[in-house]
Amino acid sequence: MSVRKKLPAALVAGALAATAFAAPAMAGERTGDRTPDGTGDRHRATRAAVEALVRDGVPGALAQAQDRHGTWNGSAGVADRTTGAPRHPRDRYRVGSITKPFVATVVLQLEAEGRLDLDDTVERRLPGVVRGNGHDGRKITLRQLLNHTSGVYDVTSDPGFQDKVLGSGFLEHRYDTWAPRHLVDIAMRHAPDFAPGTGWSYSNTNYVLAGLVIEKVTGRPYGKEVERRVLKPLGLRATSVPGIDPRMPAPSGRAYSTLGREPGAPVHDVTELNPSVAWAAGEMVSDSADLQRFVRALLTGRLLPPRQMKELTATVPVGADAPGVRYGLGVMVRKLSCGEEAWGHGGGIHGSGSDVVATRDGKHSLALNVNGDWAGDTHAVVEAEFCG
C-alpha cells in the first residue's frame, strides 16, 4: 500500500521519510564491510546516504546489504523517540506494498498448477465484483491487475478514504476492520483511470482483487496461501500476514506520521493500526534479512517455474515521470545512474517506508526502512549501494 497516488515517485523512493529527532549515529554489526584489500569501506556511500536520511528528517533509518563479501548492517537515528533506543538489524517493520510481490508469486504459482490463467478475466474469477462507473471486469485480465495496466481506480485516492485512513481521521479509525470487498466497492464509485491495457497507473485495488482471486481459487485466506507457499518454504520466520492484529511483533521499533500534513506538523505514533486497511495490497510485516531472502529466491527461480519467471519479469513502462522504471508482475526494475538494474519493490504505509532490491542474478541485494512518512529520499540509498 502507498499513501500517495503518484506511485512512480513512491516506487523509486521506495518509502517516505521523517523529521530528525536525534543526531545521525551509525549502529549495528557489520561483516564483509571492507574492500577485499582491506584499504577502504565498500559501503561508505551507503552509510552516508542512510545518515543523510536522518539529517533530512527521518527519526530512524535501517539498511542491510548482502553480496559475495557478506552482510553489512547500518542504521541511523532512533527506533523510539521517547526512549532514544537505536534501530536494530533484526527489527521488524510494516513493509506496505512489498506485500505485492508475495501476492503475485502466489497467483503465478496457481497458474503453474493450471488452476487459473493470467489471461482469465476478472469477471470469470470474481463475477459481478468489478462493475460500475465504467469499470467492467469482463474486459480486465488477471495479468493487467498484477502489472497495473487494468485502469481500475485506486481506492487510496478516494477523498473520503484518505481523510478517514490517511489523514486526521486516522486516530479515530486506526483500529477499524476493513473488508476487502468494501475496499473494492469504494473504488467502484469512481471512473476508471483508462481503458484496460491502454495505460499504466498504480492501483492498490488491483492487489485487493488479486487477493480475492487467490481466495476464490484456493478456498483459503490469501495470507494462509502466502504462508504455505512462500514463507514456510523459505524459512521466513520474521515475516507475517497479520490480518486484523494491530500490534507489531517483537523486536520492533515505533512508527511515526504527520498524517499527511507537511513537515513540521505534529508527529503521531502510528505503530498500532488494523492492517486490514491495506489487506493484500500492503499489510505484511517483515525484516531486512527475510526481505532479501525472498527477493533473491524469487529472482533466481526458486519459487516459480521458467514460464512463470518469464511472465514475472515481462515489464511495461510506468510513464514519463519515472524514466528507466518498468513494472512486471508484482516486481519493478529501475535503471540506476551507473547502468545497473535493481529489481524489487518499495512500500509505504503509515509511519513506515521500505524498499528491497537485488540484481537480476540475486547476488547483490539491499533492504531498507525508515520509521517516518513525511520526508527523505530512500532511492539515494539504493543508488549509493549499487553505484556508490
Protein backbone atom coordinates (compact mmCIF):
# COMPACT_ATOMS: atom_id res chain seq x y z
CA MET A 1 0.00 0.00 0.00
CA SER A 2 1.17 3.52 -0.63
CA VAL A 3 -0.17 6.66 0.97
CA ARG A 4 0.44 8.63 -2.20
CA LYS A 5 -1.32 8.37 -5.55
CA LYS A 6 1.69 9.17 -7.77
CA LEU A 7 3.49 5.93 -7.32
CA PRO A 8 6.36 6.15 -9.79
CA ALA A 9 7.98 8.51 -7.31
CA ALA A 10 6.98 6.30 -4.39
CA LEU A 11 8.32 3.25 -6.21
CA VAL A 12 11.62 4.89 -6.96
CA ALA A 13 11.94 6.32 -3.49
CA GLY A 14 10.64 3.10 -2.05
CA ALA A 15 9.39 4.93 1.01
CA LEU A 16 8.66 8.22 2.64
CA ALA A 17 10.72 9.73 5.44
CA ALA A 18 10.63 11.79 8.62
CA THR A 19 11.92 14.71 10.72
CA ALA A 20 15.11 14.44 12.74
CA PHE A 21 14.95 13.91 16.47
CA ALA A 22 18.49 12.68 17.06
CA ALA A 23 21.91 13.34 15.63
CA PRO A 24 22.88 10.77 12.99
CA ALA A 25 24.68 7.92 14.68
CA MET A 26 25.53 4.70 12.92
CA ALA A 27 24.85 1.48 14.78
CA GLY A 28 24.72 -2.23 14.08
CA GLU A 29 27.19 -5.00 13.42
CA ARG A 30 28.94 -5.30 10.08
CA THR A 31 30.66 -8.18 8.36
CA GLY A 32 32.32 -8.06 4.98
CA ASP A 33 32.49 -4.31 5.44
CA ARG A 34 35.89 -3.63 3.90
CA THR A 35 37.16 -3.79 0.36
CA PRO A 36 38.99 -7.04 -0.45
CA ASP A 37 42.41 -5.47 0.10
CA GLY A 38 41.30 -4.03 3.44
CA THR A 39 42.03 -0.45 2.41
CA GLY A 40 38.55 1.02 2.27
CA ASP A 41 34.92 0.77 3.28
CA ARG A 42 32.85 -0.72 0.47
CA HIS A 43 29.66 0.68 2.00
CA ARG A 44 30.87 4.20 2.74
CA ALA A 45 28.42 5.76 0.28
CA THR A 46 25.54 3.67 1.60
CA ARG A 47 26.34 4.65 5.17
CA ALA A 48 26.43 8.32 4.19
CA ALA A 49 23.08 8.03 2.41
CA VAL A 50 21.48 6.42 5.47
CA GLU A 51 22.85 9.18 7.69
CA ALA A 52 21.52 11.78 5.24
CA LEU A 53 18.00 10.41 5.70
CA VAL A 54 18.16 11.29 9.39
CA ARG A 55 19.60 14.72 8.67
CA ASP A 56 16.73 15.25 6.23
CA GLY A 57 14.16 14.37 8.89
CA VAL A 58 13.72 10.64 9.38
CA PRO A 59 13.58 9.60 13.07
CA GLY A 60 15.44 6.40 12.24
CA ALA A 61 16.75 4.59 9.17
CA LEU A 62 17.82 0.98 8.78
CA ALA A 63 19.68 -0.68 5.90
CA GLN A 64 21.10 -4.13 5.28
CA ALA A 65 23.05 -5.25 2.21
CA GLN A 66 24.25 -8.69 1.14
CA ASP A 67 26.77 -9.61 -1.54
CA ARG A 68 29.59 -12.10 -2.08
CA HIS A 69 31.62 -10.42 0.65
CA GLY A 70 28.99 -10.95 3.34
CA THR A 71 26.31 -8.95 5.14
CA TRP A 72 26.52 -5.28 6.05
CA ASN A 73 24.17 -3.59 8.53
CA GLY A 74 23.82 0.11 9.02
CA SER A 75 21.41 2.34 10.91
CA ALA A 76 21.00 5.95 11.93
CA GLY A 77 18.74 7.85 14.28
CA VAL A 78 16.34 6.19 16.68
CA ALA A 79 13.75 3.42 16.76
CA ASP A 80 11.86 5.13 19.57
CA ARG A 81 11.67 8.91 20.02
CA THR A 82 10.71 8.55 23.67
CA THR A 83 13.44 6.21 24.86
CA GLY A 84 16.09 7.05 22.27
CA ALA A 85 16.63 3.35 21.59
CA PRO A 86 18.57 2.81 18.35
CA ARG A 87 17.33 0.84 15.38
CA HIS A 88 18.49 -2.78 15.22
CA PRO A 89 19.17 -5.01 12.19
CA ARG A 90 16.61 -7.57 13.40
CA ASP A 91 13.80 -5.02 13.80
CA ARG A 92 10.55 -5.97 12.11
CA TYR A 93 8.53 -3.32 10.29
CA ARG A 94 5.45 -2.90 8.14
CA VAL A 95 6.52 -3.35 4.52
CA GLY A 96 3.48 -1.86 2.77
CA SER A 97 3.45 -2.59 -0.95
CA ILE A 98 6.28 -5.11 -0.72
CA THR A 99 3.29 -7.35 0.03
CA LYS A 100 2.52 -7.20 -3.70
CA PRO A 101 5.35 -9.45 -4.97
CA PHE A 102 4.33 -12.07 -2.41
CA VAL A 103 0.75 -11.96 -3.73
CA ALA A 104 1.89 -12.02 -7.36
CA THR A 105 4.06 -15.05 -6.61
CA VAL A 106 1.06 -16.99 -5.31
CA VAL A 107 -1.02 -16.07 -8.38
CA LEU A 108 1.81 -17.23 -10.66
CA GLN A 109 2.16 -20.49 -8.73
CA LEU A 110 -1.57 -21.09 -9.20
CA GLU A 111 -1.13 -20.53 -12.92
CA ALA A 112 1.76 -23.01 -12.98
CA GLU A 113 -0.59 -25.56 -11.36
CA GLY A 114 -3.23 -24.97 -14.05
CA ARG A 115 -5.73 -23.54 -11.57
CA LEU A 116 -6.02 -20.19 -13.33
CA ASP A 117 -4.63 -18.35 -16.33
CA LEU A 118 -3.18 -14.84 -16.36
CA ASP A 119 -5.44 -14.09 -19.32
CA ASP A 120 -8.56 -15.05 -17.37
CA THR A 121 -10.88 -12.11 -16.95
CA VAL A 122 -11.59 -10.72 -13.52
CA GLU A 123 -15.27 -11.37 -14.21
CA ARG A 124 -14.60 -15.08 -14.66
CA ARG A 125 -12.89 -15.34 -11.29
CA LEU A 126 -14.88 -12.71 -9.39
CA PRO A 127 -18.32 -12.47 -11.03
CA GLY A 128 -20.01 -9.11 -10.59
CA VAL A 129 -17.28 -7.61 -8.37
CA VAL A 130 -15.71 -5.14 -10.83
CA ARG A 131 -18.70 -3.21 -12.13
CA GLY A 132 -19.89 0.38 -12.11
CA ASN A 133 -18.93 3.83 -13.38
CA GLY A 134 -17.20 2.40 -16.44
CA HIS A 135 -15.43 -0.48 -14.71
CA ASP A 136 -16.03 -3.80 -16.45
CA GLY A 137 -14.38 -6.95 -15.12
CA ARG A 138 -15.17 -8.73 -18.40
CA LYS A 139 -12.51 -6.62 -20.10
CA ILE A 140 -9.79 -6.83 -17.42
CA THR A 141 -7.37 -9.74 -17.12
CA LEU A 142 -5.52 -11.03 -14.08
CA ARG A 143 -2.27 -10.04 -15.80
CA GLN A 144 -3.50 -6.45 -16.00
CA LEU A 145 -4.22 -6.46 -12.28
CA LEU A 146 -0.71 -7.62 -11.46
CA ASN A 147 1.11 -5.14 -13.72
CA HIS A 148 -1.22 -2.18 -13.05
CA THR A 149 -2.50 -1.82 -16.63
CA SER A 150 -6.11 -2.53 -15.65
CA GLY A 151 -7.17 1.09 -15.26
CA VAL A 152 -9.05 0.19 -12.06
CA TYR A 153 -9.39 3.19 -9.75
CA ASP A 154 -7.07 3.21 -6.73
CA VAL A 155 -9.09 3.04 -3.51
CA THR A 156 -6.44 5.06 -1.67
CA SER A 157 -7.23 8.02 -3.96
CA ASP A 158 -10.81 8.25 -2.73
CA PRO A 159 -11.11 11.52 -0.76
CA GLY A 160 -13.26 10.03 2.00
CA PHE A 161 -10.92 7.07 2.39
CA GLN A 162 -7.92 9.40 2.53
CA ASP A 163 -9.45 11.55 5.25
CA LYS A 164 -10.53 8.61 7.38
CA VAL A 165 -7.46 6.43 6.91
CA LEU A 166 -4.54 8.60 5.88
CA GLY A 167 -5.43 11.98 7.32
CA SER A 168 -6.86 13.46 10.51
CA GLY A 169 -9.41 10.67 10.87
CA PHE A 170 -6.72 8.04 11.34
CA LEU A 171 -6.50 8.41 15.11
CA GLU A 172 -10.23 7.71 15.43
CA HIS A 173 -10.33 4.88 12.90
CA ARG A 174 -6.93 3.22 13.31
CA TYR A 175 -8.48 0.03 14.79
CA ASP A 176 -11.35 -0.28 12.30
CA THR A 177 -11.58 -3.51 10.32
CA TRP A 178 -11.95 -3.10 6.56
CA ALA A 179 -13.45 -5.89 4.45
CA PRO A 180 -11.68 -6.30 1.10
CA ARG A 181 -14.98 -6.16 -0.80
CA HIS A 182 -15.68 -2.81 0.87
CA LEU A 183 -12.32 -1.50 -0.38
CA VAL A 184 -13.24 -2.59 -3.91
CA ASP A 185 -16.70 -1.07 -3.64
CA ILE A 186 -15.18 2.29 -2.69
CA ALA A 187 -13.05 2.16 -5.84
CA MET A 188 -16.08 1.28 -7.97
CA ARG A 189 -17.69 4.61 -7.06
CA HIS A 190 -15.20 6.31 -9.37
CA ALA A 191 -14.50 6.12 -13.08
CA PRO A 192 -11.50 4.02 -14.17
CA ASP A 193 -8.25 5.79 -14.97
CA PHE A 194 -8.23 4.44 -18.56
CA ALA A 195 -9.49 1.55 -20.66
CA PRO A 196 -7.84 -1.76 -19.71
CA GLY A 197 -4.47 -2.30 -21.36
CA THR A 198 -4.13 1.27 -22.68
CA GLY A 199 -2.03 2.82 -19.91
CA TRP A 200 -0.31 2.31 -16.58
CA SER A 201 -1.44 3.56 -13.19
CA TYR A 202 -0.56 2.15 -9.78
CA SER A 203 -3.70 0.97 -8.04
CA ASN A 204 -3.88 -0.78 -4.68
CA THR A 205 -7.32 -2.01 -5.69
CA ASN A 206 -5.62 -4.28 -8.25
CA TYR A 207 -3.98 -6.27 -5.48
CA VAL A 208 -7.04 -6.35 -3.26
CA LEU A 209 -8.70 -8.02 -6.26
CA ALA A 210 -5.71 -10.34 -6.70
CA GLY A 211 -6.06 -11.41 -3.07
CA LEU A 212 -9.75 -12.13 -3.63
CA VAL A 213 -8.89 -14.21 -6.70
CA ILE A 214 -6.46 -16.30 -4.63
CA GLU A 215 -9.17 -16.92 -2.06
CA LYS A 216 -11.78 -17.83 -4.69
CA VAL A 217 -9.45 -20.28 -6.45
CA THR A 218 -7.99 -21.94 -3.34
CA GLY A 219 -10.84 -21.66 -0.85
CA ARG A 220 -8.34 -20.39 1.73
CA PRO A 221 -7.40 -16.92 3.05
CA TYR A 222 -4.80 -15.36 0.77
CA GLY A 223 -2.48 -14.87 3.76
CA LYS A 224 -2.52 -18.59 4.52
CA GLU A 225 -1.52 -19.28 0.91
CA VAL A 226 1.35 -16.80 1.21
CA GLU A 227 2.47 -18.54 4.38
CA ARG A 228 2.16 -22.05 2.94
CA ARG A 229 3.71 -21.33 -0.45
CA VAL A 230 6.37 -18.71 0.33
CA LEU A 231 7.07 -18.03 4.00
CA LYS A 232 7.42 -21.61 5.24
CA PRO A 233 9.41 -22.99 2.26
CA LEU A 234 11.91 -20.13 2.53
CA GLY A 235 12.04 -20.14 6.33
CA LEU A 236 10.93 -16.51 6.59
CA ARG A 237 10.23 -16.58 10.33
CA ALA A 238 10.23 -12.80 10.78
CA THR A 239 7.60 -12.30 8.07
CA SER A 240 3.88 -12.40 8.75
CA VAL A 241 0.47 -11.59 7.32
CA PRO A 242 -1.15 -10.01 10.41
CA GLY A 243 -4.79 -9.89 9.28
CA ILE A 244 -6.59 -7.61 11.75
CA ASP A 245 -3.99 -7.69 14.56
CA PRO A 246 -2.90 -4.06 15.15
CA ARG A 247 0.18 -4.95 17.19
CA MET A 248 3.74 -5.20 15.95
CA PRO A 249 5.70 -8.36 16.77
CA ALA A 250 8.96 -8.07 18.69
CA PRO A 251 11.59 -6.98 18.07
CA SER A 252 10.43 -3.73 16.51
CA GLY A 253 10.64 0.00 16.97
CA ARG A 254 7.96 2.66 16.66
CA ALA A 255 6.44 4.25 13.55
CA TYR A 256 5.67 7.96 13.20
CA SER A 257 3.49 10.08 10.94
CA THR A 258 2.28 13.64 10.40
CA LEU A 259 -0.94 12.13 8.98
CA GLY A 260 -0.48 13.55 5.52
CA ARG A 261 0.48 17.05 6.60
CA GLU A 262 3.61 18.92 5.66
CA PRO A 263 6.90 18.50 7.54
CA GLY A 264 6.77 20.47 10.78
CA ALA A 265 3.22 19.35 11.57
CA PRO A 266 2.59 17.44 14.82
CA VAL A 267 4.06 13.95 14.81
CA HIS A 268 1.95 11.00 15.94
CA ASP A 269 2.93 7.50 16.97
CA VAL A 270 1.11 5.30 14.44
CA THR A 271 2.76 1.99 15.29
CA GLU A 272 -0.52 0.27 16.05
CA LEU A 273 -3.13 0.06 13.28
CA ASN A 274 -5.52 -2.50 11.86
CA PRO A 275 -3.69 -3.68 8.71
CA SER A 276 -6.90 -4.81 7.02
CA VAL A 277 -6.97 -1.26 5.63
CA ALA A 278 -4.25 -2.39 3.21
CA TRP A 279 -5.03 -6.13 3.04
CA ALA A 280 -3.38 -7.88 0.07
CA ALA A 281 -2.11 -4.55 -1.25
CA GLY A 282 0.17 -3.88 1.71
CA GLU A 283 -0.48 -5.45 5.11
CA MET A 284 2.61 -7.61 5.64
CA VAL A 285 5.35 -7.31 8.28
CA SER A 286 8.95 -8.45 7.79
CA ASP A 287 12.59 -7.64 8.48
CA SER A 288 15.54 -6.83 6.25
CA ALA A 289 17.06 -10.32 6.20
CA ASP A 290 13.78 -12.00 5.27
CA LEU A 291 13.01 -9.47 2.54
CA GLN A 292 16.37 -10.09 0.92
CA ARG A 293 16.00 -13.85 1.19
CA PHE A 294 12.61 -13.57 -0.52
CA VAL A 295 13.68 -11.31 -3.39
CA ARG A 296 16.79 -13.39 -4.04
CA ALA A 297 14.75 -16.60 -4.13
CA LEU A 298 12.13 -15.01 -6.38
CA LEU A 299 14.61 -13.63 -8.92
CA THR A 300 16.64 -16.83 -9.10
CA GLY A 301 13.67 -19.07 -9.87
CA ARG A 302 13.33 -20.88 -6.55
CA LEU A 303 9.62 -20.05 -6.29
CA LEU A 304 8.43 -20.20 -9.89
CA PRO A 305 8.93 -22.42 -12.97
CA PRO A 306 10.65 -20.87 -16.05
CA ARG A 307 7.40 -19.99 -17.83
CA GLN A 308 6.10 -18.06 -14.85
CA MET A 309 9.51 -16.43 -14.32
CA LYS A 310 9.21 -15.08 -17.85
CA GLU A 311 5.78 -13.69 -17.01
CA LEU A 312 7.03 -12.20 -13.74
CA THR A 313 9.82 -10.25 -15.42
CA ALA A 314 7.93 -9.13 -18.53
CA THR A 315 7.75 -5.40 -17.81
CA VAL A 316 5.83 -2.37 -19.03
CA PRO A 317 6.89 1.30 -18.72
CA VAL A 318 5.31 3.21 -15.85
CA GLY A 319 5.33 6.63 -17.50
CA ALA A 320 7.37 9.64 -18.50
CA ASP A 321 7.63 10.90 -14.91
CA ALA A 322 9.69 7.82 -13.99
CA PRO A 323 12.15 7.20 -16.84
CA GLY A 324 14.09 3.98 -16.51
CA VAL A 325 11.42 2.36 -14.32
CA ARG A 326 9.39 -0.60 -15.59
CA TYR A 327 6.84 -2.80 -13.83
CA GLY A 328 6.42 -6.56 -14.18
CA LEU A 329 4.01 -8.79 -12.26
CA GLY A 330 4.43 -7.54 -8.72
CA VAL A 331 8.05 -6.53 -9.26
CA MET A 332 9.65 -3.47 -10.75
CA VAL A 333 13.02 -2.80 -12.30
CA ARG A 334 14.77 0.55 -12.15
CA LYS A 335 17.78 1.62 -14.18
CA LEU A 336 20.29 3.23 -11.84
CA SER A 337 22.65 6.07 -12.69
CA CYS A 338 25.60 3.68 -13.18
CA GLY A 339 23.63 1.47 -15.58
CA GLU A 340 22.95 -1.26 -13.02
CA GLU A 341 19.42 -2.65 -12.87
CA ALA A 342 17.77 -3.10 -9.47
CA TRP A 343 14.78 -5.44 -9.23
CA GLY A 344 12.33 -5.45 -6.34
CA HIS A 345 9.61 -3.28 -4.86
CA GLY A 346 9.08 -0.38 -2.50
CA GLY A 347 6.38 0.06 0.09
CA GLY A 348 4.88 2.81 2.20
CA ILE A 349 2.27 2.60 4.94
CA HIS A 350 1.57 4.77 7.98
CA GLY A 351 4.90 5.67 9.56
CA SER A 352 6.92 3.11 7.63
CA GLY A 353 8.70 3.28 4.29
CA SER A 354 10.61 0.29 2.93
CA ASP A 355 12.47 -0.92 -0.13
CA VAL A 356 14.00 -4.22 -1.19
CA VAL A 357 16.02 -4.63 -4.38
CA ALA A 358 18.52 -7.02 -5.88
CA THR A 359 20.48 -7.53 -9.06
CA ARG A 360 18.77 -9.81 -11.56
CA ASP A 361 21.10 -12.68 -10.65
CA GLY A 362 20.25 -12.24 -6.96
CA LYS A 363 23.89 -11.92 -5.91
CA HIS A 364 23.68 -8.39 -4.51
CA SER A 365 20.67 -7.18 -2.53
CA LEU A 366 19.58 -4.37 -0.24
CA ALA A 367 16.67 -3.86 2.15
CA LEU A 368 15.96 -0.62 3.98
CA ASN A 369 13.33 1.02 6.14
CA VAL A 370 12.54 4.42 7.60
CA ASN A 371 10.14 4.85 10.53
CA GLY A 372 8.53 8.10 9.41
CA ASP A 373 6.47 9.07 6.37
CA TRP A 374 6.95 12.73 5.58
CA ALA A 375 10.45 13.42 4.20
CA GLY A 376 13.59 11.91 2.73
CA ASP A 377 14.73 10.06 -0.39
CA THR A 378 15.44 6.38 0.14
CA HIS A 379 16.25 5.91 -3.54
CA ALA A 380 19.53 7.67 -2.75
CA VAL A 381 20.44 4.71 -0.53
CA VAL A 382 19.77 2.30 -3.40
CA GLU A 383 21.94 4.40 -5.70
CA ALA A 384 24.69 4.54 -3.11
CA GLU A 385 24.74 0.78 -2.54
CA PHE A 386 24.75 -0.28 -6.17
CA CYS A 387 26.54 2.68 -7.77
CA GLY A 388 28.28 4.38 -4.83
